[in-house]
Amino acid sequence: MIVATRHRHPLPRPARLADARPLYVVPDAETRVELDGPALSVSRECCAEQSFPLQRISRVYSAERVAWTSEALLACADRGIAVVFVDDDGEVLARVLGRPGVRDELYHRLMDFLLLPQAMGRYHRWFAANRGRVAWWAGMKLGVPPEQRAPRPCREWINRKAAESAGGLGGERSAQWLRAIAYNWMHAHLQDLGFGTANELGQAGEPALARDLTELFAWYLEPARIGWLEGRRRAAQRKGEPLRPPRQAELVRLFESHAVRAAEHGRDITSSLHRWLIHEGG
């Protein structure tokens, strides 16, 4: 079957601005995203339509219930803006990848490194050492006893603290949602470093770089999450109100309130990997 369509003239692709920010579309009602010239138009029931210039968007984080037009998705892909769809539990359902960035030295160094003997074993040792380092950092910030700051006992301590502050389901979901946001950030960051539509190493294959680096990145977000959950619990007690479960939109706002510092930690992780690859590759 052949379907004839009108020719769509491509829009100009201005460079994204240095202060481009992620766009989070987490609806409380029926929501639709359309293309409106050089901008995304987000419309909700009973709310005024909002316009977001593509030039100012670094990536998009979208709930599965949001209705997208194909024109809006293609415009994002054409400009190198990744769109990640997640479900209510924060699990990634689908990704629309944009054009990769041009700063691809990390990608080429990793490709060269993977040709070396026992490369994966050496990479896993690097990952384990850095997981221990960031777990210790998170444990220190949260007041975890020193003997419990290794990754597994530290994770168990954090999970118990989250459950005390938000209930078992609330603590678990807040971690899932924040991790999904962290994955979205790391995926976009890796895309800027050359892991994108031209290859799959940033999200699949061996090593699963986006997954591994997100695990390191997520440790840096735990002090903010636990502090926020505990603050909500104390506020509910003070007001004599029942503790309501955290909402996905609140985790988005929490991440955005720490976005600058979080981005510094995220870039530190890839810089550490880059320095290690230079050392290992000679």
Protein backbone atom coordinates (compact mmCIF):
# COMPACT_ATOMS: atom_id res chain seq x y z
CA MET A 1 0.00 0.00 0.00
CA ILE A 2 1.32 3.45 -0.93
CA VAL A 3 0.24 6.46 1.07
CA ALA A 4 0.83 9.88 -0.45
CA THR A 5 1.48 12.77 1.90
CA ARG A 6 2.31 16.38 1.46
CA HIS A 7 6.02 17.15 1.40
CA ARG A 8 7.11 18.49 4.75
CA HIS A 9 9.77 21.15 4.39
CA PRO A 10 12.41 20.64 7.06
CA LEU A 11 12.63 23.30 9.71
CA PRO A 12 15.97 25.00 10.28
CA ARG A 13 18.02 23.43 13.04
CA PRO A 14 19.53 26.17 15.18
CA ALA A 15 22.06 25.00 17.72
CA ARG A 16 20.67 24.30 21.14
CA LEU A 17 21.43 27.02 23.62
CA ALA A 18 24.01 26.46 26.33
CA ASP A 19 21.34 26.90 29.00
CA ALA A 20 18.91 24.42 27.38
CA ARG A 21 16.98 22.52 30.03
CA PRO A 22 15.09 19.22 30.12
CA LEU A 23 11.31 19.27 29.63
CA TYR A 24 9.22 17.02 31.88
CA VAL A 25 5.68 16.21 30.73
CA VAL A 26 4.01 14.50 33.71
CA PRO A 27 0.25 14.99 33.28
CA ASP A 28 -2.48 15.18 35.90
CA ALA A 29 -5.09 15.22 33.08
CA GLU A 30 -5.27 14.42 29.38
CA THR A 31 -2.19 15.95 27.77
CA ARG A 32 -1.12 16.36 24.14
CA VAL A 33 2.19 17.49 22.64
CA GLU A 34 2.21 19.01 19.15
CA LEU A 35 4.67 20.88 16.99
CA ASP A 36 4.01 24.61 16.71
CA GLY A 37 6.65 26.01 14.36
CA PRO A 38 10.02 25.95 16.19
CA ALA A 39 8.41 24.97 19.51
CA LEU A 40 6.58 22.16 21.26
CA SER A 41 3.02 23.00 22.26
CA VAL A 42 1.74 21.23 25.39
CA SER A 43 -2.01 21.34 25.94
CA ARG A 44 -3.97 20.02 28.91
CA GLU A 45 -7.66 19.91 29.77
CA CYS A 46 -8.79 23.07 31.57
CA CYS A 47 -5.31 24.64 31.28
CA ALA A 48 -3.82 27.22 29.00
CA GLU A 49 -1.63 25.90 26.21
CA GLN A 50 2.10 26.16 26.89
CA SER A 51 4.84 26.64 24.31
CA PHE A 52 8.45 25.44 24.73
CA PRO A 53 11.00 26.49 22.06
CA LEU A 54 12.95 23.49 20.79
CA GLN A 55 16.15 25.51 20.95
CA ARG A 56 15.81 25.67 24.73
CA ILE A 57 15.07 21.95 25.27
CA SER A 58 17.93 19.57 26.00
CA ARG A 59 15.80 16.40 26.31
CA VAL A 60 12.22 15.37 27.10
CA TYR A 61 10.95 13.08 29.85
CA SER A 62 7.36 12.01 29.08
CA ALA A 63 4.76 9.92 30.89
CA GLU A 64 3.20 7.15 28.80
CA ARG A 65 -0.26 8.76 28.99
CA VAL A 66 0.89 11.81 27.03
CA ALA A 67 -0.32 11.87 23.40
CA TRP A 68 2.39 12.95 20.95
CA THR A 69 2.01 13.86 17.30
CA SER A 70 4.50 12.33 14.91
CA GLU A 71 5.56 15.83 13.81
CA ALA A 72 6.53 16.72 17.36
CA LEU A 73 8.55 13.52 17.84
CA LEU A 74 10.33 13.90 14.50
CA ALA A 75 11.17 17.53 15.25
CA CYS A 76 12.82 16.45 18.50
CA ALA A 77 14.78 13.67 16.79
CA ASP A 78 15.84 16.03 14.00
CA ARG A 79 17.37 18.40 16.53
CA GLY A 80 19.11 15.76 18.64
CA ILE A 81 16.57 15.93 21.48
CA ALA A 82 15.99 12.50 23.03
CA VAL A 83 12.44 11.71 24.18
CA VAL A 84 12.14 9.02 26.88
CA PHE A 85 8.74 7.53 27.76
CA VAL A 86 8.26 6.02 31.22
CA ASP A 87 5.37 4.31 32.98
CA ASP A 88 3.87 5.18 36.36
CA ASP A 89 6.55 3.14 38.13
CA GLY A 90 9.39 5.00 36.42
CA GLU A 91 10.30 2.13 34.08
CA VAL A 92 11.51 3.15 30.64
CA LEU A 93 9.04 2.03 27.96
CA ALA A 94 10.54 3.53 24.82
CA ARG A 95 13.14 6.00 23.60
CA VAL A 96 13.18 8.25 20.57
CA LEU A 97 16.81 9.07 19.88
CA GLY A 98 17.99 12.23 18.22
CA ARG A 99 21.15 12.94 16.29
CA PRO A 100 24.31 12.20 18.29
CA GLY A 101 26.61 14.94 19.43
CA VAL A 102 29.97 15.72 17.94
CA ARG A 103 32.12 15.36 21.07
CA ASP A 104 32.81 11.67 20.56
CA GLU A 105 36.34 11.18 21.93
CA LEU A 106 35.01 9.11 24.86
CA TYR A 107 33.15 6.84 22.46
CA HIS A 108 36.22 6.22 20.29
CA ARG A 109 38.46 5.61 23.31
CA LEU A 110 35.97 3.08 24.67
CA MET A 111 35.77 1.33 21.29
CA ASP A 112 39.55 1.10 21.15
CA PHE A 113 39.70 -0.14 24.75
CA LEU A 114 37.19 -2.93 24.11
CA LEU A 115 39.62 -4.42 21.54
CA LEU A 116 42.20 -5.03 24.28
CA PRO A 117 42.58 -8.42 26.00
CA GLN A 118 40.33 -8.88 29.07
CA ALA A 119 38.77 -5.47 28.46
CA MET A 120 35.42 -6.33 30.06
CA GLY A 121 37.02 -7.68 33.21
CA ARG A 122 39.04 -4.49 33.57
CA TYR A 123 35.95 -2.38 32.93
CA HIS A 124 33.94 -4.27 35.58
CA ARG A 125 36.72 -3.68 38.11
CA TRP A 126 36.59 0.06 37.33
CA PHE A 127 32.83 0.03 37.75
CA ALA A 128 32.98 -1.88 41.06
CA ALA A 129 35.60 0.48 42.47
CA ASN A 130 33.56 3.53 41.53
CA ARG A 131 30.33 2.03 42.86
CA GLY A 132 32.08 1.51 46.20
CA ARG A 133 33.31 5.11 46.14
CA VAL A 134 29.93 6.71 45.41
CA ALA A 135 28.14 4.41 47.88
CA TRP A 136 30.58 5.50 50.58
CA TRP A 137 29.95 9.15 49.67
CA ALA A 138 26.17 8.72 49.88
CA GLY A 139 26.46 6.81 53.15
CA MET A 140 28.65 9.52 54.65
CA LYS A 141 26.17 12.24 53.63
CA LEU A 142 23.27 10.29 55.15
CA GLY A 143 24.99 9.32 58.38
CA VAL A 144 25.19 5.61 57.57
CA PRO A 145 27.58 3.86 60.01
CA PRO A 146 31.01 3.43 58.38
CA GLU A 147 30.84 -0.35 58.55
CA GLN A 148 27.66 -0.26 56.44
CA ARG A 149 28.85 2.00 53.63
CA ALA A 150 29.71 -0.75 51.14
CA PRO A 151 27.19 -0.78 48.26
CA ARG A 152 24.92 -3.62 49.40
CA PRO A 153 24.54 -2.78 53.12
CA CYS A 154 24.35 0.93 52.28
CA ARG A 155 21.53 0.26 49.80
CA GLU A 156 19.67 -1.78 52.42
CA TRP A 157 20.09 1.05 54.98
CA ILE A 158 18.78 3.62 52.49
CA ASN A 159 15.80 1.43 51.56
CA ARG A 160 14.86 1.01 55.22
CA LYS A 161 15.13 4.76 55.79
CA ALA A 162 12.94 5.48 52.76
CA ALA A 163 10.33 2.98 53.94
CA GLU A 164 10.28 4.59 57.41
CA SER A 165 9.74 8.02 55.85
CA ALA A 166 7.26 7.18 53.07
CA GLY A 167 6.03 3.62 53.60
CA GLY A 168 7.28 0.60 51.69
CA LEU A 169 5.55 1.39 48.40
CA GLY A 170 6.20 5.14 48.62
CA GLY A 171 9.89 4.63 49.28
CA GLU A 172 10.23 2.11 46.47
CA ARG A 173 8.37 4.20 43.91
CA SER A 174 10.27 7.37 44.77
CA ALA A 175 13.51 5.46 44.09
CA GLN A 176 12.18 4.08 40.78
CA TRP A 177 11.01 7.47 39.56
CA LEU A 178 14.22 9.24 40.50
CA ARG A 179 16.29 6.51 38.88
CA ALA A 180 14.27 6.86 35.67
CA ILE A 181 14.99 10.60 35.68
CA ALA A 182 18.66 9.87 36.33
CA TYR A 183 18.71 7.42 33.41
CA ASN A 184 17.13 10.02 31.16
CA TRP A 185 19.79 12.57 32.12
CA MET A 186 22.67 10.12 31.68
CA HIS A 187 21.34 8.88 28.34
CA ALA A 188 21.15 12.44 27.03
CA HIS A 189 24.64 13.19 28.38
CA LEU A 190 26.08 10.11 26.66
CA GLN A 191 24.34 11.12 23.46
CA ASP A 192 26.12 14.48 23.62
CA LEU A 193 29.37 12.52 23.99
CA GLY A 194 28.75 10.51 20.81
CA PHE A 195 26.55 7.62 21.97
CA GLY A 196 23.39 8.05 19.94
CA THR A 197 21.62 7.05 16.75
CA ALA A 198 24.84 5.93 15.09
CA ASN A 199 25.46 3.24 17.72
CA GLU A 200 23.73 1.39 20.54
CA LEU A 201 26.50 1.12 23.11
CA GLY A 202 25.03 3.90 25.24
CA GLN A 203 21.96 1.81 26.04
CA ALA A 204 22.52 -1.83 25.06
CA GLY A 205 25.31 -4.25 24.30
CA GLU A 206 28.34 -4.87 26.46
CA PRO A 207 29.00 -2.88 28.49
CA ALA A 208 25.52 -1.42 29.03
CA LEU A 209 27.04 1.98 29.61
CA ALA A 210 23.90 4.05 30.25
CA ARG A 211 22.66 1.49 32.78
CA ASP A 212 26.00 1.24 34.59
CA LEU A 213 26.68 4.96 34.75
CA THR A 214 23.11 5.63 35.87
CA GLU A 215 23.69 3.30 38.81
CA LEU A 216 26.69 5.41 39.83
CA PHE A 217 24.81 8.66 39.19
CA ALA A 218 21.78 7.58 41.24
CA TRP A 219 23.87 7.28 44.42
CA TYR A 220 24.52 11.01 44.25
CA LEU A 221 20.76 11.67 44.32
CA GLU A 222 20.01 9.59 47.41
CA PRO A 223 20.80 12.20 50.08
CA ALA A 224 18.35 14.63 48.44
CA ARG A 225 15.66 11.94 48.12
CA ILE A 226 15.94 10.70 51.70
CA GLY A 227 16.08 14.25 53.07
CA TRP A 228 12.98 15.19 51.08
CA LEU A 229 11.03 12.11 52.18
CA GLU A 230 11.92 12.72 55.81
CA GLY A 231 10.92 16.38 55.51
CA ARG A 232 7.51 15.36 54.14
CA ARG A 233 7.01 12.93 57.02
CA ARG A 234 7.87 15.53 59.67
CA ALA A 235 5.60 18.12 58.02
CA ALA A 236 2.67 15.68 58.01
CA GLN A 237 3.25 14.87 61.69
CA ARG A 238 3.45 18.55 62.60
CA LYS A 239 0.16 19.30 60.85
CA GLY A 240 -1.55 16.16 62.14
CA GLU A 241 -2.26 15.02 58.59
CA PRO A 242 -1.95 11.53 57.09
CA LEU A 243 1.21 10.98 55.10
CA ARG A 244 0.26 10.90 51.44
CA PRO A 245 2.37 8.85 49.01
CA PRO A 246 4.88 10.79 46.92
CA ARG A 247 3.89 11.65 43.37
CA GLN A 248 5.97 11.36 40.24
CA ALA A 249 5.74 15.09 39.52
CA GLU A 250 7.23 15.82 42.94
CA LEU A 251 10.28 13.70 42.16
CA VAL A 252 10.71 15.61 38.91
CA ARG A 253 10.69 18.89 40.84
CA LEU A 254 13.12 17.45 43.39
CA PHE A 255 15.57 16.54 40.64
CA GLU A 256 15.20 19.90 38.95
CA SER A 257 15.86 21.72 42.23
CA HIS A 258 19.24 19.92 42.39
CA ALA A 259 19.84 19.82 38.62
CA VAL A 260 22.99 21.97 38.54
CA ARG A 261 24.80 20.01 41.23
CA ALA A 262 23.52 16.70 39.87
CA ALA A 263 24.85 17.57 36.41
CA GLU A 264 28.27 18.24 37.93
CA HIS A 265 28.27 14.78 39.49
CA GLY A 266 27.10 13.20 36.23
CA ARG A 267 29.87 14.86 34.24
CA ASP A 268 32.39 13.83 36.90
CA ILE A 269 31.43 10.19 36.29
CA THR A 270 32.03 10.30 32.54
CA SER A 271 35.19 12.36 33.04
CA SER A 272 36.46 9.71 35.46
CA LEU A 273 35.74 7.01 32.88
CA HIS A 274 37.49 9.06 30.20
CA ARG A 275 40.61 9.56 32.35
CA TRP A 276 40.69 5.86 33.19
CA LEU A 277 40.41 4.89 29.51
CA ILE A 278 43.33 7.18 28.67
CA HIS A 279 45.39 5.51 31.39
CA GLU A 280 44.37 1.96 30.44
CA GLY A 281 44.70 2.47 26.71
CA GLY A 282 48.08 4.13 26.90
